[in-house]
Amino acid sequence: MASVGVHVVVSGRVQGVWYRQSCQERARASGVAGWVRNRPDGTVEAVLEGERPAVDALLAWMADGPPSAVVDGLEVGDRPPAGATSFEVR
């Protein structure tokens, strides 16, 4: 199966609620590579790469996030995979 890439911006109460670390754990468990980071505007940004079903499953989780997060929305755009091999919190 071919690898896909997506760029994601998550809005809501997503900083200071263990969102990035939880995302990293989920990504690593499902074989998704890429990164996640906080942005100065209070959103969380991520790049995901992997097989479509795994990326879609992680996106579904990101729409809810960890228990203390309140996700207002996801902006998702396709991007070419860059060949990432791990998932990191930046």
C-alpha atoms as a PDB file:
ATOM      1  CA  MET A   1       0.000   0.000   0.000  1.00  0.00           C
ATOM      2  CA  ALA A   2       1.316   3.454  -0.896  1.00  0.00           C
ATOM      3  CA  SER A   3       2.261   5.978   1.729  1.00  0.00           C
ATOM      4  CA  VAL A   4       0.260   9.206   1.998  1.00  0.00           C
ATOM      5  CA  GLY A   5       1.056  12.498   3.677  1.00  0.00           C
ATOM      6  CA  VAL A   6      -1.151  15.092   5.349  1.00  0.00           C
ATOM      7  CA  HIS A   7      -0.659  18.426   7.092  1.00  0.00           C
ATOM      8  CA  VAL A   8      -3.022  19.051  10.021  1.00  0.00           C
ATOM      9  CA  VAL A   9      -3.849  22.093  12.155  1.00  0.00           C
ATOM     10  CA  VAL A  10      -5.949  21.353  15.258  1.00  0.00           C
ATOM     11  CA  SER A  11      -7.863  24.186  16.939  1.00  0.00           C
ATOM     12  CA  GLY A  12      -9.550  24.365  20.331  1.00  0.00           C
ATOM     13  CA  ARG A  13      -8.209  23.725  23.815  1.00  0.00           C
ATOM     14  CA  VAL A  14      -5.348  21.557  22.604  1.00  0.00           C
ATOM     15  CA  GLN A  15      -2.295  22.964  24.384  1.00  0.00           C
ATOM     16  CA  GLY A  16      -1.443  22.029  27.954  1.00  0.00           C
ATOM     17  CA  VAL A  17      -3.719  18.969  27.868  1.00  0.00           C
ATOM     18  CA  TRP A  18      -1.196  16.273  26.862  1.00  0.00           C
ATOM     19  CA  TYR A  19      -2.345  16.434  23.223  1.00  0.00           C
ATOM     20  CA  ARG A  20       1.089  16.211  21.551  1.00  0.00           C
ATOM     21  CA  GLN A  21       2.353  13.356  23.710  1.00  0.00           C
ATOM     22  CA  SER A  22      -0.883  11.394  23.265  1.00  0.00           C
ATOM     23  CA  CYS A  23      -0.714  11.977  19.523  1.00  0.00           C
ATOM     24  CA  GLN A  24       2.863  10.689  19.462  1.00  0.00           C
ATOM     25  CA  GLU A  25       1.884   7.538  21.367  1.00  0.00           C
ATOM     26  CA  ARG A  26      -1.039   6.859  18.998  1.00  0.00           C
ATOM     27  CA  ALA A  27       1.060   7.534  15.901  1.00  0.00           C
ATOM     28  CA  ARG A  28       3.879   5.249  16.981  1.00  0.00           C
ATOM     29  CA  ALA A  29       1.438   2.470  17.918  1.00  0.00           C
ATOM     30  CA  SER A  30      -0.203   2.641  14.488  1.00  0.00           C
ATOM     31  CA  GLY A  31       2.971   2.998  12.415  1.00  0.00           C
ATOM     32  CA  VAL A  32       2.394   6.621  11.390  1.00  0.00           C
ATOM     33  CA  ALA A  33       5.512   8.788  11.004  1.00  0.00           C
ATOM     34  CA  GLY A  34       5.890  12.571  11.135  1.00  0.00           C
ATOM     35  CA  TRP A  35       5.776  15.213  13.854  1.00  0.00           C
ATOM     36  CA  VAL A  36       3.499  17.333  16.044  1.00  0.00           C
ATOM     37  CA  ARG A  37       4.100  20.734  17.654  1.00  0.00           C
ATOM     38  CA  ASN A  38       2.391  23.637  19.416  1.00  0.00           C
ATOM     39  CA  ARG A  39       1.991  26.861  17.461  1.00  0.00           C
ATOM     40  CA  PRO A  40       2.109  30.354  18.991  1.00  0.00           C
ATOM     41  CA  ASP A  41      -1.566  30.956  18.122  1.00  0.00           C
ATOM     42  CA  GLY A  42      -2.719  28.153  20.462  1.00  0.00           C
ATOM     43  CA  THR A  43      -3.264  25.536  17.766  1.00  0.00           C
ATOM     44  CA  VAL A  44      -1.396  22.269  17.292  1.00  0.00           C
ATOM     45  CA  GLU A  45       0.219  21.459  13.948  1.00  0.00           C
ATOM     46  CA  ALA A  46       1.164  18.009  12.682  1.00  0.00           C
ATOM     47  CA  VAL A  47       2.496  16.239   9.619  1.00  0.00           C
ATOM     48  CA  LEU A  48       1.459  12.598   9.266  1.00  0.00           C
ATOM     49  CA  GLU A  49       2.840   9.992   6.872  1.00  0.00           C
ATOM     50  CA  GLY A  50       1.883   6.368   6.490  1.00  0.00           C
ATOM     51  CA  GLU A  51      -0.611   3.980   4.985  1.00  0.00           C
ATOM     52  CA  ARG A  52      -4.018   5.584   4.365  1.00  0.00           C
ATOM     53  CA  PRO A  53      -5.984   3.487   6.925  1.00  0.00           C
ATOM     54  CA  ALA A  54      -3.484   4.280   9.698  1.00  0.00           C
ATOM     55  CA  VAL A  55      -3.385   7.999   8.858  1.00  0.00           C
ATOM     56  CA  ASP A  56      -7.192   8.145   8.697  1.00  0.00           C
ATOM     57  CA  ALA A  57      -7.480   6.412  12.073  1.00  0.00           C
ATOM     58  CA  LEU A  58      -5.043   8.902  13.644  1.00  0.00           C
ATOM     59  CA  LEU A  59      -6.974  11.808  12.105  1.00  0.00           C
ATOM     60  CA  ALA A  60     -10.181  10.417  13.640  1.00  0.00           C
ATOM     61  CA  TRP A  61      -8.479  10.324  17.047  1.00  0.00           C
ATOM     62  CA  MET A  62      -7.111  13.867  16.543  1.00  0.00           C
ATOM     63  CA  ALA A  63     -10.673  15.141  16.038  1.00  0.00           C
ATOM     64  CA  ASP A  64     -11.346  14.213  19.692  1.00  0.00           C
ATOM     65  CA  GLY A  65      -7.872  14.187  21.256  1.00  0.00           C
ATOM     66  CA  PRO A  66      -7.090  13.122  24.813  1.00  0.00           C
ATOM     67  CA  PRO A  67      -9.786  13.356  27.518  1.00  0.00           C
ATOM     68  CA  SER A  68      -8.965  16.910  28.697  1.00  0.00           C
ATOM     69  CA  ALA A  69      -8.775  18.414  25.184  1.00  0.00           C
ATOM     70  CA  VAL A  70     -11.632  20.243  23.494  1.00  0.00           C
ATOM     71  CA  VAL A  71     -11.114  20.068  19.733  1.00  0.00           C
ATOM     72  CA  ASP A  72     -13.025  22.688  17.755  1.00  0.00           C
ATOM     73  CA  GLY A  73     -11.796  21.615  14.340  1.00  0.00           C
ATOM     74  CA  LEU A  74      -9.170  20.096  12.080  1.00  0.00           C
ATOM     75  CA  GLU A  75      -7.787  21.656   8.924  1.00  0.00           C
ATOM     76  CA  VAL A  76      -6.376  18.805   6.846  1.00  0.00           C
ATOM     77  CA  GLY A  77      -4.489  19.104   3.586  1.00  0.00           C
ATOM     78  CA  ASP A  78      -2.723  16.500   1.495  1.00  0.00           C
ATOM     79  CA  ARG A  79       1.025  16.795   0.986  1.00  0.00           C
ATOM     80  CA  PRO A  80       3.592  14.526  -0.603  1.00  0.00           C
ATOM     81  CA  PRO A  81       5.221  12.129   1.873  1.00  0.00           C
ATOM     82  CA  ALA A  82       8.776  13.199   2.722  1.00  0.00           C
ATOM     83  CA  GLY A  83       9.948   9.761   3.844  1.00  0.00           C
ATOM     84  CA  ALA A  84       9.739  10.251   7.619  1.00  0.00           C
ATOM     85  CA  THR A  85      10.572   7.097   9.567  1.00  0.00           C
ATOM     86  CA  SER A  86       9.603   8.071  13.119  1.00  0.00           C
ATOM     87  CA  PHE A  87       7.160  10.338  14.938  1.00  0.00           C
ATOM     88  CA  GLU A  88       8.412  13.151  17.134  1.00  0.00           C
ATOM     89  CA  VAL A  89       7.121  15.961  19.314  1.00  0.00           C
ATOM     90  CA  ARG A  90       8.728  19.230  18.288  1.00  0.00           C
END
